[in-house]
Amino acid sequence: MADQTTSEGEQLSYETAREELVETVRRLEAGGTTLEESLALWERGEHLATVCQEWLDGVRARLDARLDPEEE
């Protein structure tokens, strides 16, 4: 599976998206940001979570196909 392309046109591997998601959550939990910054972080986090889930869904589909080749 190739890297996921985001709506911003960037390429993110699962590992990169997960690391950025962890950092985004850390920043949100730490507080000290404006409402606007918090909203931007939240939106980025939602996007990164979606990218990670798409990677995981793709891997699950590939595993399922390998385990049950009759479904192809």
Protein backbone atom coordinates (compact mmCIF):
# COMPACT_ATOMS: atom_id res chain seq x y z
CA MET A 1 0.00 0.00 0.00
CA ALA A 2 1.35 3.43 -0.90
CA ASP A 3 1.43 6.34 1.51
CA GLN A 4 -1.93 7.96 2.16
CA THR A 5 -2.42 11.29 0.40
CA THR A 6 -4.10 13.89 2.55
CA SER A 7 -6.50 16.59 1.44
CA GLU A 8 -3.55 18.97 1.61
CA GLY A 9 -1.70 16.83 -0.93
CA GLU A 10 0.90 15.61 1.54
CA GLN A 11 2.03 11.99 1.74
CA LEU A 12 1.90 10.41 5.20
CA SER A 13 3.01 6.96 6.23
CA TYR A 14 1.16 5.34 9.11
CA GLU A 15 4.11 5.92 11.41
CA THR A 16 4.42 9.60 10.52
CA ALA A 17 0.68 10.22 10.93
CA ARG A 18 0.64 8.39 14.27
CA GLU A 19 3.65 10.31 15.62
CA GLU A 20 2.11 13.63 14.61
CA LEU A 21 -1.22 12.58 16.14
CA VAL A 22 0.47 11.75 19.46
CA GLU A 23 2.21 15.15 19.44
CA THR A 24 -1.04 16.93 18.56
CA VAL A 25 -2.87 15.26 21.46
CA ARG A 26 0.00 16.12 23.80
CA ARG A 27 -0.22 19.78 22.81
CA LEU A 28 -3.99 19.84 23.28
CA GLU A 29 -3.74 18.21 26.70
CA ALA A 30 -1.01 20.61 27.80
CA GLY A 31 -3.28 23.58 27.18
CA GLY A 32 -1.97 27.12 26.94
CA THR A 33 -3.19 27.62 23.39
CA THR A 34 -5.79 30.03 22.12
CA LEU A 35 -9.24 28.81 21.15
CA GLU A 36 -8.33 29.20 17.48
CA GLU A 37 -5.09 27.19 17.91
CA SER A 38 -6.93 24.51 19.88
CA LEU A 39 -9.54 24.21 17.14
CA ALA A 40 -6.83 23.91 14.48
CA LEU A 41 -5.06 21.23 16.53
CA TRP A 42 -8.33 19.35 17.04
CA GLU A 43 -9.08 19.41 13.31
CA ARG A 44 -5.56 18.25 12.46
CA GLY A 45 -5.88 15.47 15.02
CA GLU A 46 -9.17 14.31 13.51
CA HIS A 47 -7.56 14.26 10.08
CA LEU A 48 -4.53 12.32 11.32
CA ALA A 49 -6.77 9.80 13.10
CA THR A 50 -8.61 9.25 9.81
CA VAL A 51 -5.33 8.71 7.94
CA CYS A 52 -4.22 6.15 10.55
CA GLN A 53 -7.57 4.36 10.40
CA GLU A 54 -7.39 4.18 6.60
CA TRP A 55 -3.95 2.56 6.86
CA LEU A 56 -5.21 0.04 9.40
CA ASP A 57 -8.31 -0.76 7.33
CA GLY A 58 -6.13 -1.32 4.27
CA VAL A 59 -3.80 -3.63 6.15
CA ARG A 60 -6.77 -5.57 7.57
CA ALA A 61 -8.21 -6.00 4.07
CA ARG A 62 -4.87 -7.28 2.77
CA LEU A 63 -4.56 -9.74 5.66
CA ASP A 64 -8.13 -10.95 5.18
CA ALA A 65 -7.48 -11.48 1.47
CA ARG A 66 -4.37 -13.53 2.24
CA LEU A 67 -6.13 -15.61 4.87
CA ASP A 68 -9.17 -16.30 2.68
CA PRO A 69 -8.14 -16.18 -1.00
CA GLU A 70 -11.65 -17.29 -2.11
CA GLU A 71 -12.99 -13.79 -1.27
CA GLU A 72 -10.93 -12.12 -4.04
